[in-house]
Amino acid sequence: MEPTIRVVRCPCCKKPLYTLSTVTPRATQGWRFTRDSPPVQKDKDGPFMKCRQCSRRIALVKPRAAEGVPDFEVAANQKCDRILR
């Protein structure tokens, strides 16, 4: 049986950052943010999420266009030095 939920951890504090769930029906199958995930925000440096645990700015990137992938994913390189209020 394939998983229907994925938890993505904050690269700074290692606590859950957001959750993905599968989308149905099969014609639109893929992964999408769940309602309890933090909103994607944008600033001069691009898209990000604020971690609800450590309040750090977590940079996001748009993955290559592929069917079934979420709109954003955590950027590979995080500075972990930007704390948001």
PDB file of N, CA and C in Angstrom:
ATOM      1  N   MET A   1       0.845  -1.181   0.000  1.00  0.00           N
ATOM      2  CA  MET A   1       0.000   0.000   0.000  1.00  0.00           C
ATOM      3  C   MET A   1       0.890   1.243   0.000  1.00  0.00           C
ATOM      4  N   GLU A   2       0.584   2.199  -0.848  1.00  0.00           N
ATOM      5  CA  GLU A   2       1.369   3.419  -0.956  1.00  0.00           C
ATOM      6  C   GLU A   2       0.954   4.416   0.127  1.00  0.00           C
ATOM      7  N   PRO A   3       1.904   5.240   0.596  1.00  0.00           N
ATOM      8  CA  PRO A   3       1.557   6.244   1.604  1.00  0.00           C
ATOM      9  C   PRO A   3       0.644   7.317   1.021  1.00  0.00           C
ATOM     10  N   THR A   4      -0.220   7.867   1.866  1.00  0.00           N
ATOM     11  CA  THR A   4      -1.117   8.931   1.437  1.00  0.00           C
ATOM     12  C   THR A   4      -0.783  10.249   2.130  1.00  0.00           C
ATOM     13  N   ILE A   5       0.137  10.217   3.090  1.00  0.00           N
ATOM     14  CA  ILE A   5       0.563  11.417   3.824  1.00  0.00           C
ATOM     15  C   ILE A   5       2.083  11.430   3.871  1.00  0.00           C
ATOM     16  N   ARG A   6       2.679  12.606   3.687  1.00  0.00           N
ATOM     17  CA  ARG A   6       4.116  12.795   3.842  1.00  0.00           C
ATOM     18  C   ARG A   6       4.334  13.985   4.764  1.00  0.00           C
ATOM     19  N   VAL A   7       5.245  13.843   5.704  1.00  0.00           N
ATOM     20  CA  VAL A   7       5.622  14.948   6.576  1.00  0.00           C
ATOM     21  C   VAL A   7       7.003  15.427   6.151  1.00  0.00           C
ATOM     22  N   VAL A   8       7.123  16.723   5.918  1.00  0.00           N
ATOM     23  CA  VAL A   8       8.398  17.327   5.555  1.00  0.00           C
ATOM     24  C   VAL A   8       8.895  18.100   6.761  1.00  0.00           C
ATOM     25  N   ARG A   9      10.110  17.811   7.179  1.00  0.00           N
ATOM     26  CA  ARG A   9      10.676  18.424   8.383  1.00  0.00           C
ATOM     27  C   ARG A   9      11.417  19.716   8.064  1.00  0.00           C
ATOM     28  N   CYS A  10      11.432  20.601   9.045  1.00  0.00           N
ATOM     29  CA  CYS A  10      12.174  21.851   8.942  1.00  0.00           C
ATOM     30  C   CYS A  10      13.665  21.510   8.902  1.00  0.00           C
ATOM     31  N   PRO A  11      14.403  22.042   7.960  1.00  0.00           N
ATOM     32  CA  PRO A  11      15.834  21.740   7.897  1.00  0.00           C
ATOM     33  C   PRO A  11      16.630  22.386   9.037  1.00  0.00           C
ATOM     34  N   CYS A  12      16.024  23.318   9.752  1.00  0.00           N
ATOM     35  CA  CYS A  12      16.728  24.003  10.842  1.00  0.00           C
ATOM     36  C   CYS A  12      16.502  23.339  12.195  1.00  0.00           C
ATOM     37  N   CYS A  13      15.244  23.063  12.553  1.00  0.00           N
ATOM     38  CA  CYS A  13      14.950  22.494  13.877  1.00  0.00           C
ATOM     39  C   CYS A  13      14.548  21.020  13.828  1.00  0.00           C
ATOM     40  N   LYS A  14      14.349  20.484  12.627  1.00  0.00           N
ATOM     41  CA  LYS A  14      13.989  19.072  12.404  1.00  0.00           C
ATOM     42  C   LYS A  14      12.579  18.703  12.855  1.00  0.00           C
ATOM     43  N   LYS A  15      11.775  19.669  13.253  1.00  0.00           N
ATOM     44  CA  LYS A  15      10.371  19.419  13.599  1.00  0.00           C
ATOM     45  C   LYS A  15       9.543  19.455  12.312  1.00  0.00           C
ATOM     46  N   PRO A  16       8.324  18.907  12.324  1.00  0.00           N
ATOM     47  CA  PRO A  16       7.496  18.949  11.114  1.00  0.00           C
ATOM     48  C   PRO A  16       7.265  20.389  10.633  1.00  0.00           C
ATOM     49  N   LEU A  17       7.523  20.618   9.363  1.00  0.00           N
ATOM     50  CA  LEU A  17       7.306  21.940   8.759  1.00  0.00           C
ATOM     51  C   LEU A  17       5.953  21.977   8.060  1.00  0.00           C
ATOM     52  N   TYR A  18       5.708  21.004   7.185  1.00  0.00           N
ATOM     53  CA  TYR A  18       4.418  20.922   6.506  1.00  0.00           C
ATOM     54  C   TYR A  18       4.114  19.469   6.166  1.00  0.00           C
ATOM     55  N   THR A  19       2.868  19.246   5.770  1.00  0.00           N
ATOM     56  CA  THR A  19       2.405  17.911   5.426  1.00  0.00           C
ATOM     57  C   THR A  19       1.833  17.925   4.021  1.00  0.00           C
ATOM     58  N   LEU A  20       2.083  16.846   3.307  1.00  0.00           N
ATOM     59  CA  LEU A  20       1.525  16.652   1.973  1.00  0.00           C
ATOM     60  C   LEU A  20       0.566  15.477   2.013  1.00  0.00           C
ATOM     61  N   SER A  21      -0.491  15.558   1.237  1.00  0.00           N
ATOM     62  CA  SER A  21      -1.397  14.417   1.098  1.00  0.00           C
ATOM     63  C   SER A  21      -1.633  14.171  -0.382  1.00  0.00           C
ATOM     64  N   THR A  22      -2.028  12.951  -0.697  1.00  0.00           N
ATOM     65  CA  THR A  22      -2.290  12.621  -2.091  1.00  0.00           C
ATOM     66  C   THR A  22      -3.583  13.268  -2.549  1.00  0.00           C
ATOM     67  N   VAL A  23      -3.622  13.546  -3.828  1.00  0.00           N
ATOM     68  CA  VAL A  23      -4.786  14.165  -4.447  1.00  0.00           C
ATOM     69  C   VAL A  23      -5.479  13.104  -5.277  1.00  0.00           C
ATOM     70  N   THR A  24      -6.782  13.050  -5.190  1.00  0.00           N
ATOM     71  CA  THR A  24      -7.559  12.136  -6.014  1.00  0.00           C
ATOM     72  C   THR A  24      -8.615  12.952  -6.744  1.00  0.00           C
ATOM     73  N   PRO A  25      -9.179  12.580  -7.782  1.00  0.00           N
ATOM     74  CA  PRO A  25      -9.142  11.284  -8.435  1.00  0.00           C
ATOM     75  C   PRO A  25      -7.827  11.057  -9.185  1.00  0.00           C
ATOM     76  N   ARG A  26      -7.693   9.884  -9.735  1.00  0.00           N
ATOM     77  CA  ARG A  26      -6.455   9.486 -10.398  1.00  0.00           C
ATOM     78  C   ARG A  26      -6.035  10.442 -11.522  1.00  0.00           C
ATOM     79  N   ALA A  27      -6.999  11.071 -12.157  1.00  0.00           N
ATOM     80  CA  ALA A  27      -6.666  11.982 -13.258  1.00  0.00           C
ATOM     81  C   ALA A  27      -5.810  13.155 -12.783  1.00  0.00           C
ATOM     82  N   THR A  28      -5.922  13.530 -11.520  1.00  0.00           N
ATOM     83  CA  THR A  28      -5.144  14.639 -10.965  1.00  0.00           C
ATOM     84  C   THR A  28      -4.267  14.172  -9.815  1.00  0.00           C
ATOM     85  N   GLN A  29      -3.909  12.898  -9.819  1.00  0.00           N
ATOM     86  CA  GLN A  29      -3.157  12.339  -8.708  1.00  0.00           C
ATOM     87  C   GLN A  29      -1.819  13.043  -8.536  1.00  0.00           C
ATOM     88  N   GLY A  30      -1.464  13.290  -7.299  1.00  0.00           N
ATOM     89  CA  GLY A  30      -0.216  13.953  -6.977  1.00  0.00           C
ATOM     90  C   GLY A  30      -0.199  14.320  -5.506  1.00  0.00           C
ATOM     91  N   TRP A  31       0.738  15.151  -5.108  1.00  0.00           N
ATOM     92  CA  TRP A  31       0.889  15.578  -3.718  1.00  0.00           C
ATOM     93  C   TRP A  31       0.582  17.061  -3.603  1.00  0.00           C
ATOM     94  N   ARG A  32      -0.184  17.417  -2.558  1.00  0.00           N
ATOM     95  CA  ARG A  32      -0.545  18.806  -2.299  1.00  0.00           C
ATOM     96  C   ARG A  32      -0.419  19.089  -0.798  1.00  0.00           C
ATOM     97  N   PHE A  33      -0.186  20.367  -0.472  1.00  0.00           N
ATOM     98  CA  PHE A  33      -0.121  20.773   0.930  1.00  0.00           C
ATOM     99  C   PHE A  33      -1.458  20.501   1.613  1.00  0.00           C
ATOM    100  N   THR A  34      -1.413  20.051   2.864  1.00  0.00           N
ATOM    101  CA  THR A  34      -2.644  19.891   3.630  1.00  0.00           C
ATOM    102  C   THR A  34      -3.066  21.246   4.191  1.00  0.00           C
ATOM    103  N   ARG A  35      -4.284  21.326   4.651  1.00  0.00           N
ATOM    104  CA  ARG A  35      -4.822  22.587   5.175  1.00  0.00           C
ATOM    105  C   ARG A  35      -4.066  23.099   6.395  1.00  0.00           C
ATOM    106  N   ASP A  36      -3.474  22.194   7.164  1.00  0.00           N
ATOM    107  CA  ASP A  36      -2.761  22.625   8.368  1.00  0.00           C
ATOM    108  C   ASP A  36      -1.311  23.026   8.103  1.00  0.00           C
ATOM    109  N   SER A  37      -0.888  23.002   6.848  1.00  0.00           N
ATOM    110  CA  SER A  37       0.461  23.443   6.497  1.00  0.00           C
ATOM    111  C   SER A  37       0.532  24.970   6.541  1.00  0.00           C
ATOM    112  N   PRO A  38       1.699  25.527   6.894  1.00  0.00           N
ATOM    113  CA  PRO A  38       1.832  26.988   6.882  1.00  0.00           C
ATOM    114  C   PRO A  38       1.650  27.526   5.468  1.00  0.00           C
ATOM    115  N   PRO A  39       1.179  28.752   5.354  1.00  0.00           N
ATOM    116  CA  PRO A  39       1.004  29.316   4.010  1.00  0.00           C
ATOM    117  C   PRO A  39       2.354  29.609   3.353  1.00  0.00           C
ATOM    118  N   VAL A  40       2.370  29.509   2.038  1.00  0.00           N
ATOM    119  CA  VAL A  40       3.541  29.914   1.271  1.00  0.00           C
ATOM    120  C   VAL A  40       3.462  31.430   1.142  1.00  0.00           C
ATOM    121  N   GLN A  41       4.545  32.103   1.509  1.00  0.00           N
ATOM    122  CA  GLN A  41       4.620  33.555   1.428  1.00  0.00           C
ATOM    123  C   GLN A  41       5.739  33.924   0.452  1.00  0.00           C
ATOM    124  N   LYS A  42       5.784  35.169   0.039  1.00  0.00           N
ATOM    125  CA  LYS A  42       6.841  35.631  -0.870  1.00  0.00           C
ATOM    126  C   LYS A  42       7.391  36.954  -0.354  1.00  0.00           C
ATOM    127  N   ASP A  43       8.698  37.117  -0.506  1.00  0.00           N
ATOM    128  CA  ASP A  43       9.358  38.381  -0.224  1.00  0.00           C
ATOM    129  C   ASP A  43      10.387  38.623  -1.317  1.00  0.00           C
ATOM    130  N   LYS A  44      11.269  39.599  -1.133  1.00  0.00           N
ATOM    131  CA  LYS A  44      12.244  39.934  -2.182  1.00  0.00           C
ATOM    132  C   LYS A  44      13.195  38.785  -2.504  1.00  0.00           C
ATOM    133  N   ASP A  45      13.336  37.820  -1.582  1.00  0.00           N
ATOM    134  CA  ASP A  45      14.219  36.676  -1.793  1.00  0.00           C
ATOM    135  C   ASP A  45      13.499  35.454  -2.355  1.00  0.00           C
ATOM    136  N   GLY A  46      12.187  35.565  -2.560  1.00  0.00           N
ATOM    137  CA  GLY A  46      11.443  34.465  -3.154  1.00  0.00           C
ATOM    138  C   GLY A  46      10.449  33.818  -2.206  1.00  0.00           C
ATOM    139  N   PRO A  47       9.913  32.659  -2.578  1.00  0.00           N
ATOM    140  CA  PRO A  47       8.908  31.985  -1.758  1.00  0.00           C
ATOM    141  C   PRO A  47       9.530  31.357  -0.510  1.00  0.00           C
ATOM    142  N   PHE A  48       8.729  31.315   0.569  1.00  0.00           N
ATOM    143  CA  PHE A  48       9.184  30.729   1.825  1.00  0.00           C
ATOM    144  C   PHE A  48       7.999  30.338   2.685  1.00  0.00           C
ATOM    145  N   MET A  49       8.274  29.574   3.729  1.00  0.00           N
ATOM    146  CA  MET A  49       7.328  29.258   4.793  1.00  0.00           C
ATOM    147  C   MET A  49       7.975  29.659   6.103  1.00  0.00           C
ATOM    148  N   LYS A  50       7.152  30.040   7.051  1.00  0.00           N
ATOM    149  CA  LYS A  50       7.640  30.298   8.398  1.00  0.00           C
ATOM    150  C   LYS A  50       7.413  29.035   9.213  1.00  0.00           C
ATOM    151  N   CYS A  51       8.491  28.487   9.761  1.00  0.00           N
ATOM    152  CA  CYS A  51       8.357  27.289  10.588  1.00  0.00           C
ATOM    153  C   CYS A  51       7.591  27.656  11.856  1.00  0.00           C
ATOM    154  N   ARG A  52       6.574  26.899  12.177  1.00  0.00           N
ATOM    155  CA  ARG A  52       5.760  27.173  13.362  1.00  0.00           C
ATOM    156  C   ARG A  52       6.476  26.788  14.651  1.00  0.00           C
ATOM    157  N   GLN A  53       7.549  26.038  14.559  1.00  0.00           N
ATOM    158  CA  GLN A  53       8.279  25.620  15.753  1.00  0.00           C
ATOM    159  C   GLN A  53       9.428  26.573  16.090  1.00  0.00           C
ATOM    160  N   CYS A  54      10.273  26.884  15.108  1.00  0.00           N
ATOM    161  CA  CYS A  54      11.466  27.700  15.383  1.00  0.00           C
ATOM    162  C   CYS A  54      11.371  29.122  14.817  1.00  0.00           C
ATOM    163  N   SER A  55      10.299  29.438  14.103  1.00  0.00           N
ATOM    164  CA  SER A  55      10.041  30.769  13.525  1.00  0.00           C
ATOM    165  C   SER A  55      11.060  31.196  12.477  1.00  0.00           C
ATOM    166  N   ARG A  56      11.788  30.269  11.925  1.00  0.00           N
ATOM    167  CA  ARG A  56      12.764  30.610  10.898  1.00  0.00           C
ATOM    168  C   ARG A  56      12.114  30.660   9.523  1.00  0.00           C
ATOM    169  N   ARG A  57      12.736  31.477   8.661  1.00  0.00           N
ATOM    170  CA  ARG A  57      12.297  31.585   7.271  1.00  0.00           C
ATOM    171  C   ARG A  57      12.902  30.414   6.514  1.00  0.00           C
ATOM    172  N   ILE A  58      12.045  29.557   5.974  1.00  0.00           N
ATOM    173  CA  ILE A  58      12.485  28.374   5.242  1.00  0.00           C
ATOM    174  C   ILE A  58      12.242  28.623   3.756  1.00  0.00           C
ATOM    175  N   ALA A  59      13.330  28.748   3.015  1.00  0.00           N
ATOM    176  CA  ALA A  59      13.243  29.033   1.583  1.00  0.00           C
ATOM    177  C   ALA A  59      12.643  27.844   0.841  1.00  0.00           C
ATOM    178  N   LEU A  60      11.826  28.156  -0.142  1.00  0.00           N
ATOM    179  CA  LEU A  60      11.190  27.149  -0.991  1.00  0.00           C
ATOM    180  C   LEU A  60      11.607  27.391  -2.436  1.00  0.00           C
ATOM    181  N   VAL A  61      11.557  26.354  -3.221  1.00  0.00           N
ATOM    182  CA  VAL A  61      11.821  26.455  -4.657  1.00  0.00           C
ATOM    183  C   VAL A  61      10.725  25.716  -5.402  1.00  0.00           C
ATOM    184  N   LYS A  62      10.515  26.114  -6.632  1.00  0.00           N
ATOM    185  CA  LYS A  62       9.579  25.386  -7.497  1.00  0.00           C
ATOM    186  C   LYS A  62      10.352  24.246  -8.120  1.00  0.00           C
ATOM    187  N   PRO A  63       9.881  23.018  -7.947  1.00  0.00           N
ATOM    188  CA  PRO A  63      10.575  21.891  -8.588  1.00  0.00           C
ATOM    189  C   PRO A  63      10.354  21.921 -10.096  1.00  0.00           C
ATOM    190  N   ARG A  64      11.167  21.168 -10.789  1.00  0.00           N
ATOM    191  CA  ARG A  64      10.950  21.044 -12.231  1.00  0.00           C
ATOM    192  C   ARG A  64       9.532  20.567 -12.483  1.00  0.00           C
ATOM    193  N   ALA A  65       8.946  21.067 -13.509  1.00  0.00           N
ATOM    194  CA  ALA A  65       7.571  20.683 -13.837  1.00  0.00           C
ATOM    195  C   ALA A  65       7.491  19.178 -14.050  1.00  0.00           C
ATOM    196  N   ALA A  66       6.746  18.545 -13.191  1.00  0.00           N
ATOM    197  CA  ALA A  66       6.521  17.109 -13.320  1.00  0.00           C
ATOM    198  C   ALA A  66       5.150  16.796 -12.746  1.00  0.00           C
ATOM    199  N   GLU A  67       4.519  15.837 -13.300  1.00  0.00           N
ATOM    200  CA  GLU A  67       3.185  15.454 -12.853  1.00  0.00           C
ATOM    201  C   GLU A  67       3.238  14.833 -11.467  1.00  0.00           C
ATOM    202  N   GLY A  68       2.362  15.292 -10.589  1.00  0.00           N
ATOM    203  CA  GLY A  68       2.243  14.681  -9.274  1.00  0.00           C
ATOM    204  C   GLY A  68       3.120  15.272  -8.191  1.00  0.00           C
ATOM    205  N   VAL A  69       3.956  16.260  -8.500  1.00  0.00           N
ATOM    206  CA  VAL A  69       4.803  16.858  -7.466  1.00  0.00           C
ATOM    207  C   VAL A  69       4.128  18.105  -6.912  1.00  0.00           C
ATOM    208  N   PRO A  70       4.423  18.474  -5.649  1.00  0.00           N
ATOM    209  CA  PRO A  70       3.817  19.681  -5.092  1.00  0.00           C
ATOM    210  C   PRO A  70       4.340  20.932  -5.800  1.00  0.00           C
ATOM    211  N   ASP A  71       3.657  22.059  -5.601  1.00  0.00           N
ATOM    212  CA  ASP A  71       4.038  23.309  -6.252  1.00  0.00           C
ATOM    213  C   ASP A  71       5.388  23.833  -5.768  1.00  0.00           C
ATOM    214  N   PHE A  72       5.739  23.546  -4.513  1.00  0.00           N
ATOM    215  CA  PHE A  72       6.992  24.009  -3.927  1.00  0.00           C
ATOM    216  C   PHE A  72       7.630  22.888  -3.126  1.00  0.00           C
ATOM    217  N   GLU A  73       8.954  22.996  -2.922  1.00  0.00           N
ATOM    218  CA  GLU A  73       9.656  22.082  -2.029  1.00  0.00           C
ATOM    219  C   GLU A  73      10.721  22.891  -1.295  1.00  0.00           C
ATOM    220  N   VAL A  74      11.214  22.351  -0.199  1.00  0.00           N
ATOM    221  CA  VAL A  74      12.223  23.035   0.602  1.00  0.00           C
ATOM    222  C   VAL A  74      13.512  23.144  -0.210  1.00  0.00           C
ATOM    223  N   ALA A  75      14.093  24.335  -0.227  1.00  0.00           N
ATOM    224  CA  ALA A  75      15.347  24.553  -0.945  1.00  0.00           C
ATOM    225  C   ALA A  75      16.461  23.748  -0.278  1.00  0.00           C
ATOM    226  N   ALA A  76      17.382  23.265  -1.076  1.00  0.00           N
ATOM    227  CA  ALA A  76      18.469  22.418  -0.565  1.00  0.00           C
ATOM    228  C   ALA A  76      19.382  23.160   0.404  1.00  0.00           C
ATOM    229  N   ASN A  77      19.656  24.419   0.148  1.00  0.00           N
ATOM    230  CA  ASN A  77      20.554  25.192   1.003  1.00  0.00           C
ATOM    231  C   ASN A  77      19.765  26.185   1.845  1.00  0.00           C
ATOM    232  N   GLN A  78      19.792  25.994   3.160  1.00  0.00           N
ATOM    233  CA  GLN A  78      19.097  26.882   4.084  1.00  0.00           C
ATOM    234  C   GLN A  78      20.123  27.573   4.974  1.00  0.00           C
ATOM    235  N   LYS A  79      19.907  28.855   5.243  1.00  0.00           N
ATOM    236  CA  LYS A  79      20.822  29.595   6.101  1.00  0.00           C
ATOM    237  C   LYS A  79      20.487  29.426   7.585  1.00  0.00           C
ATOM    238  N   CYS A  80      19.233  29.234   7.911  1.00  0.00           N
ATOM    239  CA  CYS A  80      18.763  29.046   9.297  1.00  0.00           C
ATOM    240  C   CYS A  80      19.138  30.216  10.197  1.00  0.00           C
ATOM    241  N   ASP A  81      19.406  31.381   9.620  1.00  0.00           N
ATOM    242  CA  ASP A  81      19.760  32.541  10.435  1.00  0.00           C
ATOM    243  C   ASP A  81      18.711  33.634  10.405  1.00  0.00           C
ATOM    244  N   ARG A  82      17.626  33.418   9.674  1.00  0.00           N
ATOM    245  CA  ARG A  82      16.574  34.422   9.572  1.00  0.00           C
ATOM    246  C   ARG A  82      15.367  34.001  10.391  1.00  0.00           C
ATOM    247  N   ILE A  83      15.198  34.655  11.521  1.00  0.00           N
ATOM    248  CA  ILE A  83      14.056  34.393  12.397  1.00  0.00           C
ATOM    249  C   ILE A  83      13.000  35.449  12.125  1.00  0.00           C
ATOM    250  N   LEU A  84      11.787  35.008  11.875  1.00  0.00           N
ATOM    251  CA  LEU A  84      10.668  35.905  11.583  1.00  0.00           C
ATOM    252  C   LEU A  84       9.866  36.168  12.841  1.00  0.00           C
ATOM    253  N   ARG A  85       9.325  37.313  12.924  1.00  0.00           N
ATOM    254  CA  ARG A  85       8.480  37.688  14.075  1.00  0.00           C
ATOM    255  C   ARG A  85       7.043  37.388  13.803  1.00  0.00           C
TER     256      ARG A  85
END
